[in-house]
Each structure stands twice: as structure tokens, then as C-alpha cells.
Amino acid sequence: MTVISSTKNPEALSFSLIAEFDAGVERVWQIWEDPRQLERWWGPPTWPATFERHEFTPGGEASYYMTGPNGEKARGWWRITDVQAPTHLEFDDGFADDDGAPVEAMGITHATVTLEEIGARTRMTILSTFESEEQLNKMVEMGMEEGMKEAAGQIDALLAEHSRA
């Protein structure tokens, strides 16, 4: 299992997920940078993602949807706020309506991704911060923790596949 820990911190309005991979930092960075690789793991296995837009630069935007087991679609968006390849990425993350417009009522989450070299492996930390404790609790109730663990659990296979190519 690649996921080392997941921690909800109501005082800091944050949720963190730490995972480690048998790959170098540059290779793990590619799974964020390349939208075709990103959509192979962003979202639980039963809700695969499709990125329609992926501007991987500060000020850039991304839009995507995840397709559920019955064909239903859940849309989301990112606003990239910082990119320091290959170790640091920050973006605002939110839900979108059927037209891709942000749904303000669901709030915005800010994600900070850090990749650290630990020998020949990489530790990835995703720190998500929320606007309020209500938003944090709602996201956890919607299955965010399990969904992020399932999503990160798909990365090993993607990394192994590319190391054989």
C-alpha cells in the first residue's frame, strides 16, 4: 500500500495524505504534469477522471469530470497557483456545474503537493486546506478520505507500467 497516512485536522481546517512510491521525484512529478497520466489516478477507480483542460503553469486552469459507474458525471476545476518542478505544486480546487462553471456553494479547497526524495523513493504529501470546519466535515462525509486513498492507490501500477516501457 502506498498510502502511509491520512490525517484530518479540524483546528487547522486541513486534511493531509502522505504516500510513498518506488520511483524518483521527477517520475512522480510526471503523474501531475501529464494530463493523460493524471486522469489514470485522479479519482477512485470506480470514478475515473477525464481532463478537458490542463494548463500546468501558475495562473493556469484545469477542468475535468469524473464518470461514475452508472455514467453520471461529477465536474471539477483547478486554478494553478504555484508550480516549482519537480517538487512543489499548489492549486485551488472546486466543484463545477454541468457547464464547468464553479459551484460557489461547495467552497474552494487549496491543495499543496510536495514531493520529497527519500533514497530511491519519493514521498508525496497532499495537504488540502478548507474555508471552514463545515466544509471540511462535508467533504469527509462525502467520502473524500477514502476517495483520495483509492486514487493514490492507483499510482503504483501507473509508475510500474511506465518503468517497463
C-alpha atoms as a PDB file:
ATOM      1  CA  MET A   1       0.000   0.000   0.000  1.00  0.00           C
ATOM      2  CA  THR A   2       1.449   3.317  -0.998  1.00  0.00           C
ATOM      3  CA  VAL A   3      -0.611   5.458   1.358  1.00  0.00           C
ATOM      4  CA  ILE A   4       1.321   5.972   4.594  1.00  0.00           C
ATOM      5  CA  SER A   5      -1.200   8.133   6.432  1.00  0.00           C
ATOM      6  CA  SER A   6      -4.221  10.378   6.146  1.00  0.00           C
ATOM      7  CA  THR A   7      -4.981  12.948   8.804  1.00  0.00           C
ATOM      8  CA  LYS A   8      -7.939  15.255   9.367  1.00  0.00           C
ATOM      9  CA  ASN A   9      -7.102  18.359  11.450  1.00  0.00           C
ATOM     10  CA  PRO A  10     -10.252  20.400  12.278  1.00  0.00           C
ATOM     11  CA  GLU A  11      -8.233  23.081  14.142  1.00  0.00           C
ATOM     12  CA  ALA A  12      -6.070  23.755  11.062  1.00  0.00           C
ATOM     13  CA  LEU A  13      -9.038  23.179   8.679  1.00  0.00           C
ATOM     14  CA  SER A  14      -6.876  20.684   6.823  1.00  0.00           C
ATOM     15  CA  PHE A  15      -6.639  17.145   5.570  1.00  0.00           C
ATOM     16  CA  SER A  16      -3.341  15.547   4.603  1.00  0.00           C
ATOM     17  CA  LEU A  17      -2.487  12.400   2.712  1.00  0.00           C
ATOM     18  CA  ILE A  18       1.053  11.009   2.647  1.00  0.00           C
ATOM     19  CA  ALA A  19       2.090   8.291   0.205  1.00  0.00           C
ATOM     20  CA  GLU A  20       5.419   6.829  -0.868  1.00  0.00           C
ATOM     21  CA  PHE A  21       6.394   5.390  -4.216  1.00  0.00           C
ATOM     22  CA  ASP A  22       9.220   3.285  -5.664  1.00  0.00           C
ATOM     23  CA  ALA A  23      10.149   5.953  -8.195  1.00  0.00           C
ATOM     24  CA  GLY A  24      12.211   9.113  -8.327  1.00  0.00           C
ATOM     25  CA  VAL A  25      10.780  12.585  -7.740  1.00  0.00           C
ATOM     26  CA  GLU A  26      10.954  13.524 -11.441  1.00  0.00           C
ATOM     27  CA  ARG A  27       8.936  10.443 -12.410  1.00  0.00           C
ATOM     28  CA  VAL A  28       6.269  11.089  -9.753  1.00  0.00           C
ATOM     29  CA  TRP A  29       6.077  14.730 -10.895  1.00  0.00           C
ATOM     30  CA  GLN A  30       5.046  13.479 -14.359  1.00  0.00           C
ATOM     31  CA  ILE A  31       1.824  11.990 -12.969  1.00  0.00           C
ATOM     32  CA  TRP A  32       0.739  15.559 -12.096  1.00  0.00           C
ATOM     33  CA  GLU A  33       2.209  17.275 -15.135  1.00  0.00           C
ATOM     34  CA  ASP A  34       0.851  14.966 -17.846  1.00  0.00           C
ATOM     35  CA  PRO A  35      -2.977  15.071 -18.015  1.00  0.00           C
ATOM     36  CA  ARG A  36      -3.161  11.609 -19.634  1.00  0.00           C
ATOM     37  CA  GLN A  37      -1.308  10.131 -16.642  1.00  0.00           C
ATOM     38  CA  LEU A  38      -3.172  12.317 -14.132  1.00  0.00           C
ATOM     39  CA  GLU A  39      -6.535  11.056 -15.313  1.00  0.00           C
ATOM     40  CA  ARG A  40      -5.405   7.463 -14.754  1.00  0.00           C
ATOM     41  CA  TRP A  41      -5.344   8.024 -10.994  1.00  0.00           C
ATOM     42  CA  TRP A  42      -7.200  11.262 -10.072  1.00  0.00           C
ATOM     43  CA  GLY A  43     -10.390   9.904  -8.558  1.00  0.00           C
ATOM     44  CA  PRO A  44     -11.336   6.493  -7.183  1.00  0.00           C
ATOM     45  CA  PRO A  45     -11.140   3.529  -9.610  1.00  0.00           C
ATOM     46  CA  THR A  46     -14.942   3.497  -9.965  1.00  0.00           C
ATOM     47  CA  TRP A  47     -14.914   7.238 -10.856  1.00  0.00           C
ATOM     48  CA  PRO A  48     -12.170   7.709 -13.492  1.00  0.00           C
ATOM     49  CA  ALA A  49     -11.268  11.277 -14.423  1.00  0.00           C
ATOM     50  CA  THR A  50     -11.084  12.933 -17.814  1.00  0.00           C
ATOM     51  CA  PHE A  51      -9.171  16.224 -18.016  1.00  0.00           C
ATOM     52  CA  GLU A  52     -10.568  18.504 -20.693  1.00  0.00           C
ATOM     53  CA  ARG A  53      -8.178  21.334 -19.855  1.00  0.00           C
ATOM     54  CA  HIS A  54      -4.831  21.194 -18.053  1.00  0.00           C
ATOM     55  CA  GLU A  55      -2.756  24.384 -18.064  1.00  0.00           C
ATOM     56  CA  PHE A  56       0.083  23.331 -15.770  1.00  0.00           C
ATOM     57  CA  THR A  57       1.540  26.761 -15.059  1.00  0.00           C
ATOM     58  CA  PRO A  58       0.901  29.432 -12.374  1.00  0.00           C
ATOM     59  CA  GLY A  59      -2.366  31.156 -13.301  1.00  0.00           C
ATOM     60  CA  GLY A  60      -3.387  28.187 -15.431  1.00  0.00           C
ATOM     61  CA  GLU A  61      -6.670  26.351 -15.129  1.00  0.00           C
ATOM     62  CA  ALA A  62      -7.738  22.753 -15.326  1.00  0.00           C
ATOM     63  CA  SER A  63     -11.202  21.328 -15.824  1.00  0.00           C
ATOM     64  CA  TYR A  64     -12.190  17.720 -15.516  1.00  0.00           C
ATOM     65  CA  TYR A  65     -15.024  15.366 -14.874  1.00  0.00           C
ATOM     66  CA  MET A  66     -15.195  12.001 -13.183  1.00  0.00           C
ATOM     67  CA  THR A  67     -17.519   9.380 -14.593  1.00  0.00           C
ATOM     68  CA  GLY A  68     -19.408   7.206 -12.116  1.00  0.00           C
ATOM     69  CA  PRO A  69     -20.329   3.545 -12.504  1.00  0.00           C
ATOM     70  CA  ASN A  70     -23.754   4.452 -13.930  1.00  0.00           C
ATOM     71  CA  GLY A  71     -22.407   7.053 -16.346  1.00  0.00           C
ATOM     72  CA  GLU A  72     -23.104  10.041 -14.086  1.00  0.00           C
ATOM     73  CA  LYS A  73     -20.565  12.866 -14.264  1.00  0.00           C
ATOM     74  CA  ALA A  74     -19.089  14.926 -11.411  1.00  0.00           C
ATOM     75  CA  ARG A  75     -17.230  18.002 -12.632  1.00  0.00           C
ATOM     76  CA  GLY A  76     -14.358  19.873 -11.011  1.00  0.00           C
ATOM     77  CA  TRP A  77     -11.874  22.637 -11.689  1.00  0.00           C
ATOM     78  CA  TRP A  78      -8.410  23.769 -10.566  1.00  0.00           C
ATOM     79  CA  ARG A  79      -6.692  27.145 -10.592  1.00  0.00           C
ATOM     80  CA  ILE A  80      -2.942  26.533 -10.509  1.00  0.00           C
ATOM     81  CA  THR A  81      -1.302  28.985  -8.102  1.00  0.00           C
ATOM     82  CA  ASP A  82       2.299  27.702  -7.889  1.00  0.00           C
ATOM     83  CA  VAL A  83       4.454  25.260  -9.852  1.00  0.00           C
ATOM     84  CA  GLN A  84       8.028  24.545  -8.807  1.00  0.00           C
ATOM     85  CA  ALA A  85       9.007  21.446 -10.787  1.00  0.00           C
ATOM     86  CA  PRO A  86       9.632  18.772  -9.719  1.00  0.00           C
ATOM     87  CA  THR A  87       8.834  19.147  -6.023  1.00  0.00           C
ATOM     88  CA  HIS A  88       6.022  21.643  -5.350  1.00  0.00           C
ATOM     89  CA  LEU A  89       2.552  22.317  -6.743  1.00  0.00           C
ATOM     90  CA  GLU A  90      -0.328  24.388  -5.372  1.00  0.00           C
ATOM     91  CA  PHE A  91      -3.829  24.837  -6.723  1.00  0.00           C
ATOM     92  CA  ASP A  92      -7.338  25.849  -5.744  1.00  0.00           C
ATOM     93  CA  ASP A  93      -9.821  23.033  -6.262  1.00  0.00           C
ATOM     94  CA  GLY A  94     -13.591  23.121  -6.511  1.00  0.00           C
ATOM     95  CA  PHE A  95     -16.749  21.536  -7.821  1.00  0.00           C
ATOM     96  CA  ALA A  96     -18.306  22.656 -11.108  1.00  0.00           C
ATOM     97  CA  ASP A  97     -21.754  22.508 -12.665  1.00  0.00           C
ATOM     98  CA  ASP A  98     -22.625  20.663 -15.894  1.00  0.00           C
ATOM     99  CA  ASP A  99     -21.209  23.563 -17.914  1.00  0.00           C
ATOM    100  CA  GLY A 100     -17.916  23.566 -15.970  1.00  0.00           C
ATOM    101  CA  ALA A 101     -18.699  26.760 -14.016  1.00  0.00           C
ATOM    102  CA  PRO A 102     -17.536  26.767 -10.366  1.00  0.00           C
ATOM    103  CA  VAL A 103     -20.220  25.895  -7.788  1.00  0.00           C
ATOM    104  CA  GLU A 104     -19.606  28.538  -5.133  1.00  0.00           C
ATOM    105  CA  ALA A 105     -21.842  26.880  -2.521  1.00  0.00           C
ATOM    106  CA  MET A 106     -19.429  23.937  -2.221  1.00  0.00           C
ATOM    107  CA  GLY A 107     -16.491  26.208  -1.356  1.00  0.00           C
ATOM    108  CA  ILE A 108     -12.907  26.083  -2.526  1.00  0.00           C
ATOM    109  CA  THR A 109     -10.158  23.799  -1.261  1.00  0.00           C
ATOM    110  CA  HIS A 110      -6.495  24.778  -1.561  1.00  0.00           C
ATOM    111  CA  ALA A 111      -4.132  21.879  -2.261  1.00  0.00           C
ATOM    112  CA  THR A 112      -0.383  21.897  -1.671  1.00  0.00           C
ATOM    113  CA  VAL A 113       1.541  18.962  -3.141  1.00  0.00           C
ATOM    114  CA  THR A 114       5.101  18.313  -2.001  1.00  0.00           C
ATOM    115  CA  LEU A 115       7.390  15.630  -3.435  1.00  0.00           C
ATOM    116  CA  GLU A 116      10.460  14.657  -1.397  1.00  0.00           C
ATOM    117  CA  GLU A 117      13.280  12.281  -2.285  1.00  0.00           C
ATOM    118  CA  ILE A 118      13.797   9.558   0.320  1.00  0.00           C
ATOM    119  CA  GLY A 119      16.610   7.438  -1.051  1.00  0.00           C
ATOM    120  CA  ALA A 120      15.455   5.989  -4.354  1.00  0.00           C
ATOM    121  CA  ARG A 121      11.816   6.539  -3.377  1.00  0.00           C
ATOM    122  CA  THR A 122       9.509   9.566  -3.326  1.00  0.00           C
ATOM    123  CA  ARG A 123       7.247  10.750  -0.525  1.00  0.00           C
ATOM    124  CA  MET A 124       4.206  12.681  -1.765  1.00  0.00           C
ATOM    125  CA  THR A 125       2.273  14.850   0.664  1.00  0.00           C
ATOM    126  CA  ILE A 126      -1.041  16.386  -0.379  1.00  0.00           C
ATOM    127  CA  LEU A 127      -2.228  18.998   2.110  1.00  0.00           C
ATOM    128  CA  SER A 128      -5.764  20.233   1.490  1.00  0.00           C
ATOM    129  CA  THR A 129      -6.997  23.273   3.401  1.00  0.00           C
ATOM    130  CA  PHE A 130     -10.640  24.270   3.687  1.00  0.00           C
ATOM    131  CA  GLU A 131     -12.582  27.505   4.132  1.00  0.00           C
ATOM    132  CA  SER A 132     -14.437  26.254   7.211  1.00  0.00           C
ATOM    133  CA  GLU A 133     -14.872  23.273   9.516  1.00  0.00           C
ATOM    134  CA  GLU A 134     -18.306  22.706   7.964  1.00  0.00           C
ATOM    135  CA  GLN A 135     -16.748  22.400   4.518  1.00  0.00           C
ATOM    136  CA  LEU A 136     -14.075  20.003   5.841  1.00  0.00           C
ATOM    137  CA  ASN A 137     -16.685  17.831   7.567  1.00  0.00           C
ATOM    138  CA  LYS A 138     -18.928  17.829   4.486  1.00  0.00           C
ATOM    139  CA  MET A 139     -16.048  16.694   2.252  1.00  0.00           C
ATOM    140  CA  VAL A 140     -15.125  13.916   4.692  1.00  0.00           C
ATOM    141  CA  GLU A 141     -18.805  12.837   4.844  1.00  0.00           C
ATOM    142  CA  MET A 142     -18.864  12.748   1.016  1.00  0.00           C
ATOM    143  CA  GLY A 143     -16.007  10.206   1.109  1.00  0.00           C
ATOM    144  CA  MET A 144     -13.002  12.430   0.409  1.00  0.00           C
ATOM    145  CA  GLU A 145     -10.621  10.463   2.638  1.00  0.00           C
ATOM    146  CA  GLU A 146     -11.449   7.063   1.163  1.00  0.00           C
ATOM    147  CA  GLY A 147     -11.584   8.504  -2.352  1.00  0.00           C
ATOM    148  CA  MET A 148      -8.123  10.065  -2.044  1.00  0.00           C
ATOM    149  CA  LYS A 149      -6.684   6.820  -0.653  1.00  0.00           C
ATOM    150  CA  GLU A 150      -8.211   4.822  -3.505  1.00  0.00           C
ATOM    151  CA  ALA A 151      -6.948   7.383  -6.033  1.00  0.00           C
ATOM    152  CA  ALA A 152      -3.382   7.338  -4.672  1.00  0.00           C
ATOM    153  CA  GLY A 153      -3.529   3.547  -4.553  1.00  0.00           C
ATOM    154  CA  GLN A 154      -3.635   3.516  -8.369  1.00  0.00           C
ATOM    155  CA  ILE A 155      -0.324   5.353  -8.743  1.00  0.00           C
ATOM    156  CA  ASP A 156       1.960   2.349  -8.122  1.00  0.00           C
ATOM    157  CA  ALA A 157       0.553   0.497 -11.144  1.00  0.00           C
ATOM    158  CA  LEU A 158       0.919   3.591 -13.323  1.00  0.00           C
ATOM    159  CA  LEU A 159       4.538   4.092 -12.221  1.00  0.00           C
ATOM    160  CA  ALA A 160       5.344   0.387 -12.727  1.00  0.00           C
ATOM    161  CA  GLU A 161       3.776   0.429 -16.190  1.00  0.00           C
ATOM    162  CA  HIS A 162       5.898   3.368 -17.307  1.00  0.00           C
ATOM    163  CA  SER A 163       9.101   1.944 -15.785  1.00  0.00           C
ATOM    164  CA  ARG A 164       8.681  -1.135 -18.026  1.00  0.00           C
ATOM    165  CA  ALA A 165       8.063   0.950 -21.157  1.00  0.00           C
END
